[in-house]
Amino acid sequence: MMLLNYKKQRLDKTNPWTVLFLDNPFGKASASHVLDPIFEIANKLNFQIIAFAAPEIIKSEISERFPVFYPLEIKTDEKGRGVVSVSGQVIYGERIRRT
């Protein structure tokens, strides 16, 4: 995807933004030597990364790299079936720290 965007940038002489929706794209990777190139390339090629992951696997090293963080809570009925509502809170700058 990044290579296609780079080619589009060269052909059109424009700098378009591309949004990527990714499901747990980082896995266990949280070292800066892995994350730095990913975010640097995304920034230079105008990629907006929207990543989804379970709260228990989100590491602060990753969440701190995003300017906006939306922790979502899924609520179910009293029997634990079906989603009743999804609520969330926007966090700017500050992140959830796990110990």
Protein backbone atom coordinates (compact mmCIF):
# COMPACT_ATOMS: atom_id res chain seq x y z
CA MET A 1 0.00 0.00 0.00
CA MET A 2 2.79 2.40 0.86
CA LEU A 3 4.58 1.67 -2.42
CA LEU A 4 1.38 2.29 -4.40
CA ASN A 5 0.88 5.60 -2.62
CA TYR A 6 4.49 6.58 -3.33
CA LYS A 7 4.00 5.79 -7.03
CA LYS A 8 0.72 7.77 -7.09
CA GLN A 9 2.54 10.69 -5.48
CA ARG A 10 5.23 10.63 -8.19
CA LEU A 11 2.79 10.35 -11.10
CA ASP A 12 0.26 12.93 -9.96
CA LYS A 13 2.74 15.36 -8.37
CA THR A 14 0.37 15.61 -5.42
CA ASN A 15 0.63 14.57 -1.81
CA PRO A 16 -2.65 12.69 -1.13
CA TRP A 17 -3.64 11.33 2.27
CA THR A 18 -4.50 7.66 2.57
CA VAL A 19 -6.31 6.14 5.54
CA LEU A 20 -5.33 2.63 6.64
CA PHE A 21 -7.63 0.63 8.92
CA LEU A 22 -5.55 -2.11 10.54
CA ASP A 23 -6.48 -4.90 12.96
CA ASN A 24 -3.71 -5.36 15.55
CA PRO A 25 -0.99 -4.39 13.08
CA PHE A 26 1.88 -4.38 15.56
CA GLY A 27 1.34 -7.67 17.40
CA LYS A 28 4.15 -8.07 19.91
CA ALA A 29 6.38 -5.50 18.18
CA SER A 30 6.96 -2.50 20.40
CA ALA A 31 10.68 -1.78 20.05
CA SER A 32 11.58 1.62 18.65
CA HIS A 33 13.81 0.13 15.93
CA VAL A 34 10.69 -1.62 14.57
CA LEU A 35 8.13 1.16 15.11
CA ASP A 36 10.23 4.20 14.13
CA PRO A 37 10.56 3.24 10.43
CA ILE A 38 6.86 2.33 10.17
CA PHE A 39 5.67 5.66 11.55
CA GLU A 40 8.32 7.65 9.65
CA ILE A 41 7.31 6.12 6.31
CA ALA A 42 3.62 6.59 7.11
CA ASN A 43 4.26 10.24 7.95
CA LYS A 44 6.32 10.95 4.81
CA LEU A 45 3.76 9.27 2.54
CA ASN A 46 0.76 10.88 4.28
CA PHE A 47 -0.78 7.75 5.76
CA GLN A 48 -3.27 8.06 8.58
CA ILE A 49 -3.16 4.81 10.54
CA ILE A 50 -6.29 3.73 12.39
CA ALA A 51 -5.44 0.62 14.39
CA PHE A 52 -7.79 -1.70 16.26
CA ALA A 53 -6.59 -3.98 19.07
CA ALA A 54 -7.88 -5.54 22.26
CA PRO A 55 -7.19 -3.31 25.31
CA GLU A 56 -5.13 -5.96 27.07
CA ILE A 57 -2.56 -6.08 24.25
CA ILE A 58 -2.12 -2.35 23.64
CA LYS A 59 1.30 -1.25 24.80
CA SER A 60 1.98 2.35 25.80
CA GLU A 61 5.02 2.40 23.47
CA ILE A 62 2.57 2.05 20.58
CA SER A 63 -0.41 4.09 21.79
CA GLU A 64 1.82 7.08 22.59
CA ARG A 65 2.73 7.36 18.92
CA PHE A 66 -0.85 8.22 17.96
CA PRO A 67 -2.03 11.81 18.51
CA VAL A 68 -5.56 10.63 19.44
CA PHE A 69 -6.46 7.46 21.33
CA TYR A 70 -10.02 6.09 21.62
CA PRO A 71 -10.40 3.39 24.30
CA LEU A 72 -13.75 1.69 23.63
CA GLU A 73 -15.86 -0.31 26.06
CA ILE A 74 -18.30 -2.86 24.68
CA LYS A 75 -21.35 -3.38 26.89
CA THR A 76 -23.63 -6.41 26.73
CA ASP A 77 -26.98 -7.29 28.27
CA GLU A 78 -27.34 -8.91 31.71
CA LYS A 79 -26.98 -12.40 30.21
CA GLY A 80 -23.79 -11.45 28.42
CA ARG A 81 -25.37 -11.69 25.00
CA GLY A 82 -25.44 -9.08 22.28
CA VAL A 83 -23.95 -5.63 22.22
CA VAL A 84 -26.17 -3.10 23.93
CA SER A 85 -23.94 -0.10 23.27
CA VAL A 86 -20.39 0.92 22.55
CA SER A 87 -19.01 3.89 24.45
CA GLY A 88 -15.64 5.53 24.38
CA GLN A 89 -13.60 8.45 25.56
CA VAL A 90 -11.19 10.47 23.45
CA ILE A 91 -7.79 10.89 25.08
CA TYR A 92 -5.48 13.55 23.67
CA GLY A 93 -1.82 13.33 24.61
CA GLU A 94 -2.28 11.35 27.83
CA ARG A 95 -2.23 7.56 27.58
CA ILE A 96 -3.25 4.58 29.64
CA ARG A 97 -0.20 3.23 31.44
CA ARG A 98 -0.15 -0.46 32.31
CA THR A 99 2.12 -1.75 35.07
